[in-house]
Structures are given as C-alpha cells and as structure tokens.
N, C-alpha and C. Protein backbone atom coordinates (compact mmCIF):
# COMPACT_ATOMS: atom_id res chain seq x y z
N MET A 1 7.82 -15.60 -11.17
CA MET A 1 6.51 -15.16 -10.77
C MET A 1 5.74 -14.77 -12.03
N GLN A 2 4.54 -15.32 -12.15
CA GLN A 2 3.67 -15.00 -13.25
C GLN A 2 2.76 -13.81 -12.85
N ARG A 3 2.57 -12.88 -13.78
CA ARG A 3 1.64 -11.75 -13.57
C ARG A 3 0.58 -11.84 -14.63
N ILE A 4 -0.65 -12.01 -14.21
CA ILE A 4 -1.77 -12.17 -15.15
C ILE A 4 -2.79 -11.09 -14.87
N ARG A 5 -3.11 -10.30 -15.89
CA ARG A 5 -4.16 -9.31 -15.74
C ARG A 5 -5.49 -10.04 -15.96
N ASP A 6 -6.40 -9.92 -15.01
CA ASP A 6 -7.65 -10.66 -15.08
C ASP A 6 -8.76 -9.83 -14.43
N TYR A 7 -9.99 -10.29 -14.60
CA TYR A 7 -11.12 -9.71 -13.90
C TYR A 7 -11.56 -10.69 -12.84
N ILE A 8 -11.66 -10.23 -11.60
CA ILE A 8 -12.03 -11.11 -10.50
C ILE A 8 -13.21 -10.50 -9.77
N SER A 9 -13.96 -11.37 -9.12
CA SER A 9 -15.13 -10.90 -8.35
C SER A 9 -14.64 -10.21 -7.07
N LEU A 10 -15.18 -9.02 -6.86
CA LEU A 10 -14.78 -8.22 -5.71
C LEU A 10 -15.00 -8.97 -4.39
N ASP A 11 -16.07 -9.78 -4.34
CA ASP A 11 -16.33 -10.48 -3.08
C ASP A 11 -15.42 -11.69 -2.87
N SER A 12 -14.53 -11.97 -3.81
CA SER A 12 -13.58 -13.07 -3.63
C SER A 12 -12.24 -12.57 -3.07
N VAL A 13 -12.16 -11.27 -2.78
CA VAL A 13 -10.90 -10.66 -2.34
C VAL A 13 -10.98 -10.26 -0.86
N THR A 14 -9.94 -10.61 -0.13
CA THR A 14 -9.74 -10.09 1.22
C THR A 14 -8.30 -9.61 1.29
N VAL A 15 -7.97 -8.85 2.31
CA VAL A 15 -6.63 -8.30 2.45
C VAL A 15 -5.71 -9.37 3.02
N HIS A 16 -4.56 -9.53 2.40
CA HIS A 16 -3.54 -10.48 2.85
C HIS A 16 -3.01 -10.05 4.21
N ARG A 17 -2.75 -11.01 5.07
CA ARG A 17 -2.26 -10.72 6.42
C ARG A 17 -1.01 -9.85 6.40
N THR A 18 -0.08 -10.13 5.50
CA THR A 18 1.16 -9.35 5.42
C THR A 18 0.86 -7.89 5.16
N ARG A 19 -0.08 -7.60 4.26
CA ARG A 19 -0.41 -6.21 3.94
C ARG A 19 -1.15 -5.54 5.10
N SER A 20 -2.05 -6.26 5.74
CA SER A 20 -2.80 -5.64 6.85
C SER A 20 -1.88 -5.35 8.03
N GLU A 21 -0.84 -6.14 8.23
CA GLU A 21 0.11 -5.90 9.32
C GLU A 21 0.86 -4.58 9.13
N LEU A 22 1.02 -4.19 7.89
CA LEU A 22 1.76 -2.96 7.56
C LEU A 22 0.88 -1.72 7.62
N GLU A 23 -0.41 -1.90 7.66
CA GLU A 23 -1.35 -0.77 7.60
C GLU A 23 -1.21 0.11 8.83
N SER A 24 -1.28 1.41 8.58
CA SER A 24 -1.22 2.38 9.66
C SER A 24 -2.58 3.03 9.84
N PRO A 25 -2.98 3.26 11.07
CA PRO A 25 -4.27 3.94 11.27
C PRO A 25 -4.16 5.40 10.89
N GLY A 26 -5.28 5.99 10.58
CA GLY A 26 -5.32 7.42 10.32
C GLY A 26 -5.11 7.83 8.87
N VAL A 27 -5.00 6.85 7.97
CA VAL A 27 -4.84 7.20 6.55
C VAL A 27 -6.22 7.56 6.01
N ALA A 28 -6.32 8.71 5.39
CA ALA A 28 -7.61 9.15 4.85
C ALA A 28 -7.48 9.45 3.37
N PHE A 29 -8.56 9.33 2.66
CA PHE A 29 -8.57 9.68 1.25
C PHE A 29 -8.77 11.19 1.11
N ARG A 30 -8.15 11.74 0.09
CA ARG A 30 -8.33 13.17 -0.19
C ARG A 30 -9.80 13.48 -0.43
N VAL A 31 -10.50 12.60 -1.13
CA VAL A 31 -11.93 12.74 -1.33
C VAL A 31 -12.60 12.12 -0.11
N SER A 32 -13.11 12.97 0.78
CA SER A 32 -13.65 12.46 2.03
C SER A 32 -14.95 11.69 1.84
N ASP A 33 -15.71 12.05 0.80
CA ASP A 33 -16.95 11.36 0.54
C ASP A 33 -16.82 10.55 -0.74
N LEU A 34 -16.50 9.27 -0.61
CA LEU A 34 -16.27 8.42 -1.79
C LEU A 34 -17.51 8.28 -2.66
N SER A 35 -18.68 8.61 -2.12
CA SER A 35 -19.89 8.50 -2.93
C SER A 35 -19.90 9.55 -4.04
N SER A 36 -19.03 10.54 -3.93
CA SER A 36 -18.96 11.54 -5.01
C SER A 36 -18.24 11.01 -6.24
N LEU A 37 -17.60 9.86 -6.13
CA LEU A 37 -16.93 9.24 -7.28
C LEU A 37 -17.97 8.45 -8.09
N SER A 38 -18.01 8.72 -9.40
CA SER A 38 -18.92 7.98 -10.26
C SER A 38 -18.41 6.57 -10.48
N ARG A 39 -19.29 5.72 -10.94
CA ARG A 39 -18.92 4.35 -11.30
C ARG A 39 -17.81 4.37 -12.34
N GLU A 40 -17.96 5.25 -13.31
CA GLU A 40 -16.94 5.36 -14.36
C GLU A 40 -15.58 5.78 -13.77
N ALA A 41 -15.60 6.71 -12.84
CA ALA A 41 -14.34 7.14 -12.20
C ALA A 41 -13.68 5.98 -11.48
N ILE A 42 -14.46 5.19 -10.78
CA ILE A 42 -13.93 4.04 -10.05
C ILE A 42 -13.35 3.01 -11.04
N ASN A 43 -14.06 2.78 -12.15
CA ASN A 43 -13.54 1.86 -13.16
C ASN A 43 -12.22 2.33 -13.72
N ILE A 44 -12.08 3.63 -13.94
CA ILE A 44 -10.83 4.18 -14.46
C ILE A 44 -9.73 4.02 -13.42
N ILE A 45 -10.04 4.31 -12.16
CA ILE A 45 -9.06 4.11 -11.09
C ILE A 45 -8.58 2.66 -11.05
N LEU A 46 -9.52 1.73 -11.18
CA LEU A 46 -9.17 0.31 -11.16
C LEU A 46 -8.28 -0.06 -12.35
N ASP A 47 -8.51 0.53 -13.50
CA ASP A 47 -7.67 0.29 -14.67
C ASP A 47 -6.27 0.88 -14.48
N LEU A 48 -6.22 2.09 -13.93
CA LEU A 48 -4.93 2.76 -13.75
C LEU A 48 -4.12 2.14 -12.62
N GLN A 49 -4.78 1.74 -11.55
CA GLN A 49 -4.11 1.23 -10.37
C GLN A 49 -4.81 -0.04 -9.91
N PRO A 50 -4.54 -1.14 -10.61
CA PRO A 50 -5.28 -2.38 -10.31
C PRO A 50 -4.95 -2.93 -8.93
N ILE A 51 -5.88 -3.70 -8.43
CA ILE A 51 -5.68 -4.42 -7.20
C ILE A 51 -4.69 -5.55 -7.52
N ILE A 52 -3.71 -5.74 -6.65
CA ILE A 52 -2.71 -6.80 -6.88
C ILE A 52 -2.98 -7.89 -5.86
N VAL A 53 -3.22 -9.09 -6.36
CA VAL A 53 -3.65 -10.20 -5.49
C VAL A 53 -2.81 -11.45 -5.76
N VAL A 54 -2.85 -12.35 -4.78
CA VAL A 54 -2.31 -13.69 -4.92
C VAL A 54 -3.46 -14.66 -4.74
N ASP A 55 -3.33 -15.82 -5.40
CA ASP A 55 -4.33 -16.87 -5.25
C ASP A 55 -4.34 -17.39 -3.82
N HIS A 56 -5.51 -17.77 -3.38
CA HIS A 56 -5.68 -18.37 -2.06
C HIS A 56 -6.78 -19.40 -2.18
N ALA A 57 -6.75 -20.39 -1.32
CA ALA A 57 -7.74 -21.47 -1.39
C ALA A 57 -9.17 -20.93 -1.36
N LYS A 58 -9.41 -19.82 -0.68
CA LYS A 58 -10.76 -19.27 -0.58
C LYS A 58 -10.92 -17.98 -1.39
N GLY A 59 -10.22 -17.89 -2.52
CA GLY A 59 -10.33 -16.70 -3.36
C GLY A 59 -8.99 -16.05 -3.56
N TYR A 60 -8.93 -14.74 -3.33
CA TYR A 60 -7.71 -13.99 -3.54
C TYR A 60 -7.39 -13.17 -2.29
N ARG A 61 -6.11 -12.86 -2.16
CA ARG A 61 -5.66 -11.99 -1.07
C ARG A 61 -4.98 -10.79 -1.69
N CYS A 62 -5.44 -9.59 -1.31
CA CYS A 62 -4.86 -8.33 -1.80
C CYS A 62 -3.54 -8.08 -1.09
N ILE A 63 -2.47 -7.92 -1.88
CA ILE A 63 -1.17 -7.60 -1.29
C ILE A 63 -0.72 -6.19 -1.62
N ALA A 64 -1.33 -5.60 -2.64
CA ALA A 64 -1.02 -4.22 -2.99
C ALA A 64 -2.21 -3.63 -3.78
N GLY A 65 -2.15 -2.32 -3.97
CA GLY A 65 -3.32 -1.66 -4.53
C GLY A 65 -4.42 -1.59 -3.49
N LEU A 66 -3.98 -1.53 -2.24
CA LEU A 66 -4.93 -1.57 -1.12
C LEU A 66 -5.92 -0.40 -1.19
N ARG A 67 -5.45 0.80 -1.50
CA ARG A 67 -6.37 1.95 -1.56
C ARG A 67 -7.41 1.73 -2.65
N THR A 68 -6.99 1.21 -3.80
CA THR A 68 -7.92 0.95 -4.89
C THR A 68 -8.95 -0.10 -4.45
N TYR A 69 -8.48 -1.14 -3.79
CA TYR A 69 -9.38 -2.19 -3.27
C TYR A 69 -10.38 -1.56 -2.28
N GLN A 70 -9.91 -0.70 -1.39
CA GLN A 70 -10.81 -0.09 -0.41
C GLN A 70 -11.88 0.76 -1.08
N ILE A 71 -11.48 1.52 -2.10
CA ILE A 71 -12.46 2.32 -2.82
C ILE A 71 -13.49 1.43 -3.49
N ALA A 72 -13.01 0.41 -4.20
CA ALA A 72 -13.93 -0.50 -4.90
C ALA A 72 -14.85 -1.21 -3.94
N SER A 73 -14.33 -1.69 -2.83
CA SER A 73 -15.17 -2.47 -1.91
C SER A 73 -16.18 -1.59 -1.18
N LYS A 74 -15.91 -0.30 -1.06
CA LYS A 74 -16.86 0.62 -0.43
C LYS A 74 -17.94 1.10 -1.40
N ARG A 75 -17.59 1.14 -2.69
CA ARG A 75 -18.50 1.78 -3.64
C ARG A 75 -19.18 0.84 -4.65
N LEU A 76 -18.63 -0.34 -4.85
CA LEU A 76 -19.19 -1.23 -5.88
C LEU A 76 -19.89 -2.42 -5.23
N PRO A 77 -20.88 -2.98 -5.90
CA PRO A 77 -21.53 -4.18 -5.38
C PRO A 77 -20.52 -5.33 -5.23
N ALA A 78 -20.70 -6.13 -4.20
CA ALA A 78 -19.73 -7.18 -3.84
C ALA A 78 -19.43 -8.14 -4.99
N GLY A 79 -20.38 -8.47 -5.81
CA GLY A 79 -20.16 -9.45 -6.87
C GLY A 79 -19.57 -8.87 -8.16
N ASP A 80 -19.32 -7.57 -8.20
CA ASP A 80 -18.80 -6.97 -9.43
C ASP A 80 -17.44 -7.54 -9.79
N LEU A 81 -17.19 -7.64 -11.08
CA LEU A 81 -15.89 -8.04 -11.58
C LEU A 81 -15.01 -6.79 -11.69
N VAL A 82 -13.80 -6.88 -11.14
CA VAL A 82 -12.88 -5.75 -11.18
C VAL A 82 -11.53 -6.19 -11.76
N PRO A 83 -10.83 -5.28 -12.44
CA PRO A 83 -9.52 -5.66 -12.95
C PRO A 83 -8.54 -5.86 -11.81
N ALA A 84 -7.71 -6.88 -11.95
CA ALA A 84 -6.70 -7.17 -10.94
C ALA A 84 -5.47 -7.73 -11.61
N LEU A 85 -4.38 -7.57 -10.96
CA LEU A 85 -3.14 -8.21 -11.39
C LEU A 85 -2.97 -9.40 -10.45
N VAL A 86 -3.07 -10.60 -11.01
CA VAL A 86 -3.00 -11.83 -10.21
C VAL A 86 -1.56 -12.36 -10.30
N LEU A 87 -0.92 -12.48 -9.16
CA LEU A 87 0.43 -13.01 -9.12
C LEU A 87 0.38 -14.49 -8.77
N ARG A 88 1.02 -15.28 -9.60
CA ARG A 88 1.03 -16.72 -9.38
C ARG A 88 2.48 -17.16 -9.26
N GLU A 89 2.66 -18.27 -8.55
CA GLU A 89 3.99 -18.84 -8.38
C GLU A 89 4.96 -17.83 -7.78
N THR A 90 4.52 -17.17 -6.73
CA THR A 90 5.37 -16.19 -6.06
C THR A 90 5.77 -16.70 -4.68
N THR A 91 6.73 -16.06 -4.09
CA THR A 91 7.26 -16.48 -2.79
C THR A 91 6.76 -15.54 -1.69
N LYS A 92 6.90 -15.99 -0.46
CA LYS A 92 6.52 -15.13 0.66
C LYS A 92 7.34 -13.85 0.69
N SER A 93 8.62 -13.97 0.33
CA SER A 93 9.45 -12.76 0.33
C SER A 93 9.02 -11.77 -0.76
N ASN A 94 8.59 -12.28 -1.92
CA ASN A 94 8.06 -11.37 -2.95
C ASN A 94 6.77 -10.73 -2.50
N ILE A 95 5.90 -11.48 -1.87
CA ILE A 95 4.66 -10.93 -1.33
C ILE A 95 4.98 -9.82 -0.34
N ARG A 96 5.91 -10.08 0.55
CA ARG A 96 6.29 -9.08 1.55
C ARG A 96 6.85 -7.82 0.88
N LYS A 97 7.73 -7.99 -0.09
CA LYS A 97 8.34 -6.85 -0.75
C LYS A 97 7.30 -6.01 -1.48
N ILE A 98 6.38 -6.63 -2.14
CA ILE A 98 5.32 -5.90 -2.85
C ILE A 98 4.40 -5.19 -1.86
N ALA A 99 4.03 -5.86 -0.77
CA ALA A 99 3.20 -5.23 0.24
C ALA A 99 3.90 -4.03 0.88
N GLU A 100 5.17 -4.20 1.18
CA GLU A 100 5.94 -3.09 1.77
C GLU A 100 6.05 -1.92 0.78
N ALA A 101 6.23 -2.22 -0.49
CA ALA A 101 6.29 -1.16 -1.50
C ALA A 101 5.00 -0.40 -1.54
N ASP A 102 3.87 -1.11 -1.48
CA ASP A 102 2.56 -0.44 -1.50
C ASP A 102 2.41 0.44 -0.27
N CYS A 103 2.82 -0.05 0.88
CA CYS A 103 2.71 0.70 2.13
C CYS A 103 3.56 1.98 2.09
N LEU A 104 4.76 1.87 1.56
CA LEU A 104 5.69 3.00 1.56
C LEU A 104 5.51 3.92 0.37
N LEU A 105 5.46 3.38 -0.82
CA LEU A 105 5.49 4.22 -2.02
C LEU A 105 4.17 4.87 -2.34
N THR A 106 3.06 4.19 -2.09
CA THR A 106 1.75 4.76 -2.44
C THR A 106 1.53 6.11 -1.76
N PRO A 107 1.71 6.23 -0.44
CA PRO A 107 1.50 7.55 0.14
C PRO A 107 2.52 8.59 -0.29
N LEU A 108 3.72 8.16 -0.62
CA LEU A 108 4.74 9.11 -1.03
C LEU A 108 4.47 9.69 -2.41
N ILE A 109 3.94 8.87 -3.32
CA ILE A 109 3.81 9.36 -4.68
C ILE A 109 2.41 9.75 -5.09
N THR A 110 1.39 9.36 -4.35
CA THR A 110 0.02 9.66 -4.76
C THR A 110 -0.57 10.87 -4.04
N ASN A 111 0.08 11.32 -3.02
CA ASN A 111 -0.33 12.56 -2.34
C ASN A 111 -1.73 12.50 -1.76
N PHE A 112 -2.16 11.31 -1.27
CA PHE A 112 -3.40 11.31 -0.51
C PHE A 112 -3.05 11.72 0.91
N LYS A 113 -4.03 11.99 1.71
CA LYS A 113 -3.79 12.54 3.04
C LYS A 113 -3.19 11.48 3.99
N ALA A 114 -1.96 11.14 3.76
CA ALA A 114 -1.30 10.22 4.65
C ALA A 114 -0.55 11.05 5.70
N PRO A 115 -1.01 11.00 6.92
CA PRO A 115 -0.31 11.79 7.93
C PRO A 115 1.14 11.34 8.06
N THR A 116 1.99 12.29 8.38
CA THR A 116 3.40 12.00 8.57
C THR A 116 3.57 10.82 9.52
N ASP A 117 2.76 10.77 10.57
CA ASP A 117 2.85 9.67 11.54
C ASP A 117 2.69 8.32 10.88
N SER A 118 1.73 8.19 9.96
CA SER A 118 1.48 6.88 9.36
C SER A 118 2.63 6.48 8.43
N ILE A 119 3.22 7.45 7.73
CA ILE A 119 4.38 7.12 6.87
C ILE A 119 5.56 6.72 7.74
N ILE A 120 5.77 7.43 8.82
CA ILE A 120 6.87 7.07 9.73
C ILE A 120 6.65 5.68 10.31
N GLU A 121 5.42 5.36 10.70
CA GLU A 121 5.12 4.02 11.20
C GLU A 121 5.43 2.97 10.13
N CYS A 122 5.09 3.24 8.90
CA CYS A 122 5.37 2.32 7.82
C CYS A 122 6.89 2.13 7.67
N ILE A 123 7.63 3.23 7.67
CA ILE A 123 9.09 3.14 7.55
C ILE A 123 9.67 2.31 8.68
N LYS A 124 9.10 2.43 9.87
CA LYS A 124 9.59 1.66 11.01
C LYS A 124 9.30 0.18 10.86
N LYS A 125 8.19 -0.17 10.18
CA LYS A 125 7.76 -1.56 10.09
C LYS A 125 8.47 -2.34 8.97
N ILE A 126 8.86 -1.65 7.93
CA ILE A 126 9.43 -2.39 6.80
C ILE A 126 10.93 -2.59 6.99
N SER A 127 11.46 -3.57 6.29
CA SER A 127 12.87 -3.92 6.46
C SER A 127 13.80 -2.88 5.84
N ARG A 128 15.00 -2.81 6.37
CA ARG A 128 16.01 -1.92 5.83
C ARG A 128 16.28 -2.24 4.35
N ASN A 129 16.29 -3.54 4.03
CA ASN A 129 16.53 -3.93 2.65
C ASN A 129 15.47 -3.37 1.71
N THR A 130 14.22 -3.41 2.14
CA THR A 130 13.14 -2.87 1.30
C THR A 130 13.29 -1.36 1.16
N ARG A 131 13.56 -0.67 2.26
CA ARG A 131 13.76 0.78 2.17
C ARG A 131 14.87 1.12 1.19
N ASN A 132 15.98 0.41 1.32
CA ASN A 132 17.12 0.69 0.46
C ASN A 132 16.83 0.34 -1.01
N PHE A 133 16.05 -0.68 -1.22
CA PHE A 133 15.71 -1.10 -2.58
C PHE A 133 14.86 -0.04 -3.27
N PHE A 134 13.84 0.45 -2.58
CA PHE A 134 12.90 1.39 -3.20
C PHE A 134 13.35 2.84 -3.10
N LEU A 135 14.06 3.19 -2.07
CA LEU A 135 14.51 4.56 -1.85
C LEU A 135 15.99 4.53 -1.50
N PRO A 136 16.86 4.19 -2.42
CA PRO A 136 18.25 3.90 -2.07
C PRO A 136 19.02 5.05 -1.42
N ASN A 137 18.65 6.27 -1.70
CA ASN A 137 19.38 7.40 -1.14
C ASN A 137 18.54 8.27 -0.22
N ALA A 138 17.37 7.79 0.12
CA ALA A 138 16.44 8.68 0.82
C ALA A 138 16.24 8.40 2.28
N VAL A 139 16.52 7.22 2.78
CA VAL A 139 16.19 6.93 4.16
C VAL A 139 17.36 6.28 4.92
N LYS A 140 18.49 6.91 4.85
CA LYS A 140 19.65 6.42 5.59
C LYS A 140 19.58 6.80 7.07
N ASN A 141 18.97 7.93 7.35
CA ASN A 141 18.87 8.40 8.73
C ASN A 141 17.61 9.25 8.88
N ARG A 142 17.39 9.68 10.10
CA ARG A 142 16.16 10.43 10.39
C ARG A 142 16.11 11.79 9.67
N ASN A 143 17.25 12.42 9.50
CA ASN A 143 17.26 13.69 8.75
C ASN A 143 16.83 13.46 7.30
N ASP A 144 17.27 12.36 6.71
CA ASP A 144 16.86 12.04 5.33
C ASP A 144 15.36 11.83 5.24
N ILE A 145 14.80 11.18 6.24
CA ILE A 145 13.36 10.93 6.26
C ILE A 145 12.60 12.24 6.36
N ALA A 146 13.08 13.14 7.22
CA ALA A 146 12.46 14.45 7.35
C ALA A 146 12.44 15.18 6.02
N LYS A 147 13.59 15.14 5.33
CA LYS A 147 13.67 15.82 4.02
C LYS A 147 12.71 15.19 3.03
N LEU A 148 12.66 13.87 3.00
CA LEU A 148 11.77 13.16 2.08
C LEU A 148 10.31 13.54 2.32
N LEU A 149 9.92 13.65 3.59
CA LEU A 149 8.52 13.94 3.93
C LEU A 149 8.21 15.43 3.96
N GLY A 150 9.24 16.27 3.89
CA GLY A 150 9.01 17.71 3.91
C GLY A 150 8.60 18.21 5.26
N VAL A 151 9.16 17.58 6.31
CA VAL A 151 8.86 18.01 7.68
C VAL A 151 10.18 18.33 8.39
N SER A 152 10.07 18.90 9.56
CA SER A 152 11.28 19.24 10.32
C SER A 152 11.92 17.96 10.87
N PRO A 153 13.22 17.94 10.99
CA PRO A 153 13.88 16.79 11.62
C PRO A 153 13.34 16.48 13.02
N LYS A 154 12.96 17.54 13.76
CA LYS A 154 12.42 17.32 15.10
C LYS A 154 11.17 16.44 15.06
N THR A 155 10.33 16.65 14.06
CA THR A 155 9.12 15.83 13.91
C THR A 155 9.49 14.36 13.82
N VAL A 156 10.47 14.04 13.02
CA VAL A 156 10.90 12.65 12.84
C VAL A 156 11.59 12.14 14.10
N TYR A 157 12.49 12.96 14.70
CA TYR A 157 13.20 12.53 15.90
C TYR A 157 12.24 12.24 17.05
N ASP A 158 11.14 12.98 17.12
CA ASP A 158 10.14 12.75 18.16
C ASP A 158 9.38 11.44 17.98
N LYS A 159 9.33 10.94 16.76
CA LYS A 159 8.48 9.79 16.42
C LYS A 159 9.25 8.49 16.19
N MET A 160 10.54 8.58 16.02
CA MET A 160 11.29 7.34 15.79
C MET A 160 12.72 7.46 16.31
N SER A 161 13.24 6.33 16.73
CA SER A 161 14.62 6.29 17.24
C SER A 161 15.52 5.80 16.12
N SER A 162 16.81 5.94 16.31
CA SER A 162 17.75 5.45 15.29
C SER A 162 17.65 3.93 15.16
N GLU A 163 17.25 3.23 16.24
CA GLU A 163 17.10 1.78 16.20
C GLU A 163 15.96 1.38 15.25
N ASP A 164 14.99 2.25 15.08
CA ASP A 164 13.87 1.97 14.17
C ASP A 164 14.36 1.80 12.73
N LEU A 165 15.49 2.39 12.41
CA LEU A 165 16.02 2.28 11.06
C LEU A 165 16.93 1.08 10.85
N SER A 166 17.21 0.34 11.91
CA SER A 166 18.14 -0.77 11.78
C SER A 166 17.44 -2.12 11.66
N ASN A 167 16.11 -2.15 11.57
CA ASN A 167 15.41 -3.43 11.51
C ASN A 167 15.70 -4.16 10.21
N ASP A 168 15.69 -5.48 10.27
CA ASP A 168 15.94 -6.28 9.07
C ASP A 168 14.83 -7.27 8.83
C-alpha cells in the first residue's frame, strides 16, 4: 500500500461506504460551535490529523480522519485544498481495518464527546480481529470494556450481549 501526502480539493471527497456504515449517531464535538475555530486552527488540525482517503473514479473517499473531514467540510469553502493522506494500491480489508481503527480509536484517545453508547455500538460493529489488533488486552469481555470506558459493568451489560463480542 502506498501512502502519499498530498493536497486535495475538499469538494472531491465523500465518505467511503465502509466508514459511514461504522458511524454511530450522537457523536458531538467538544467545541459545539465550530465557527469559533479560526481558519488557522482548522489548517493546523488538518496538518496534525489529516483526512485519509482512497482514490475513486469520482474523486476520493474518506476512510479515516472522519472528524477532521467533518470539521473542514463544515467550515471551509468546498474548493479549498486540504492536506490528505492518499492511500493507493490498497485492499478492501485494509480499508476496513483503517476505517474500524478510526471508529474505535479516535473517540478513545481524543476525548471528544463520544457517548458511551456510540463507542459500544462501534465495538459491536467491528470485527473481533480488529479489536484484538488495536486493543489486544482491553476488550476480551464486557467487564474489560467497562474498565476501558470508565463506566460501570452494568452500563455495558445493559447495552451489549456476550454475542456482540464474538463477531468476525
């Protein structure tokens, strides 16, 4: 898989189907009014956390960096050039793994207002192999998930069954 850092037109990007399937409703940004972010702040965010895309016949498809893409698409003019990491010669399984990583790891490590429900929904949707790859000792059972999220085990038990952890 080739990774090329490039500048792409914001209006040439749409969200890849694989990534949108993993999206959970109710995810909110800590900054409720994105208009409070300056253009310079958005440019720095894009440099620090680039949009990750794959080539598509009609432009690019965002597979990760979804929050960054959402900020940019809400605040910048459609034709603006934005930094992106363009993945070429990749497989569907790599696309899926990267999209799942974005879904799971971004809310865990960036501390935006991801409700526990949306993280649990993400954990239920992604494969056991992906969970074990990214969090090898953290999501073996529902008690582990509760500890990872800093919530009571009852919260997790109410929202997912043990079968939810056995998906492949």
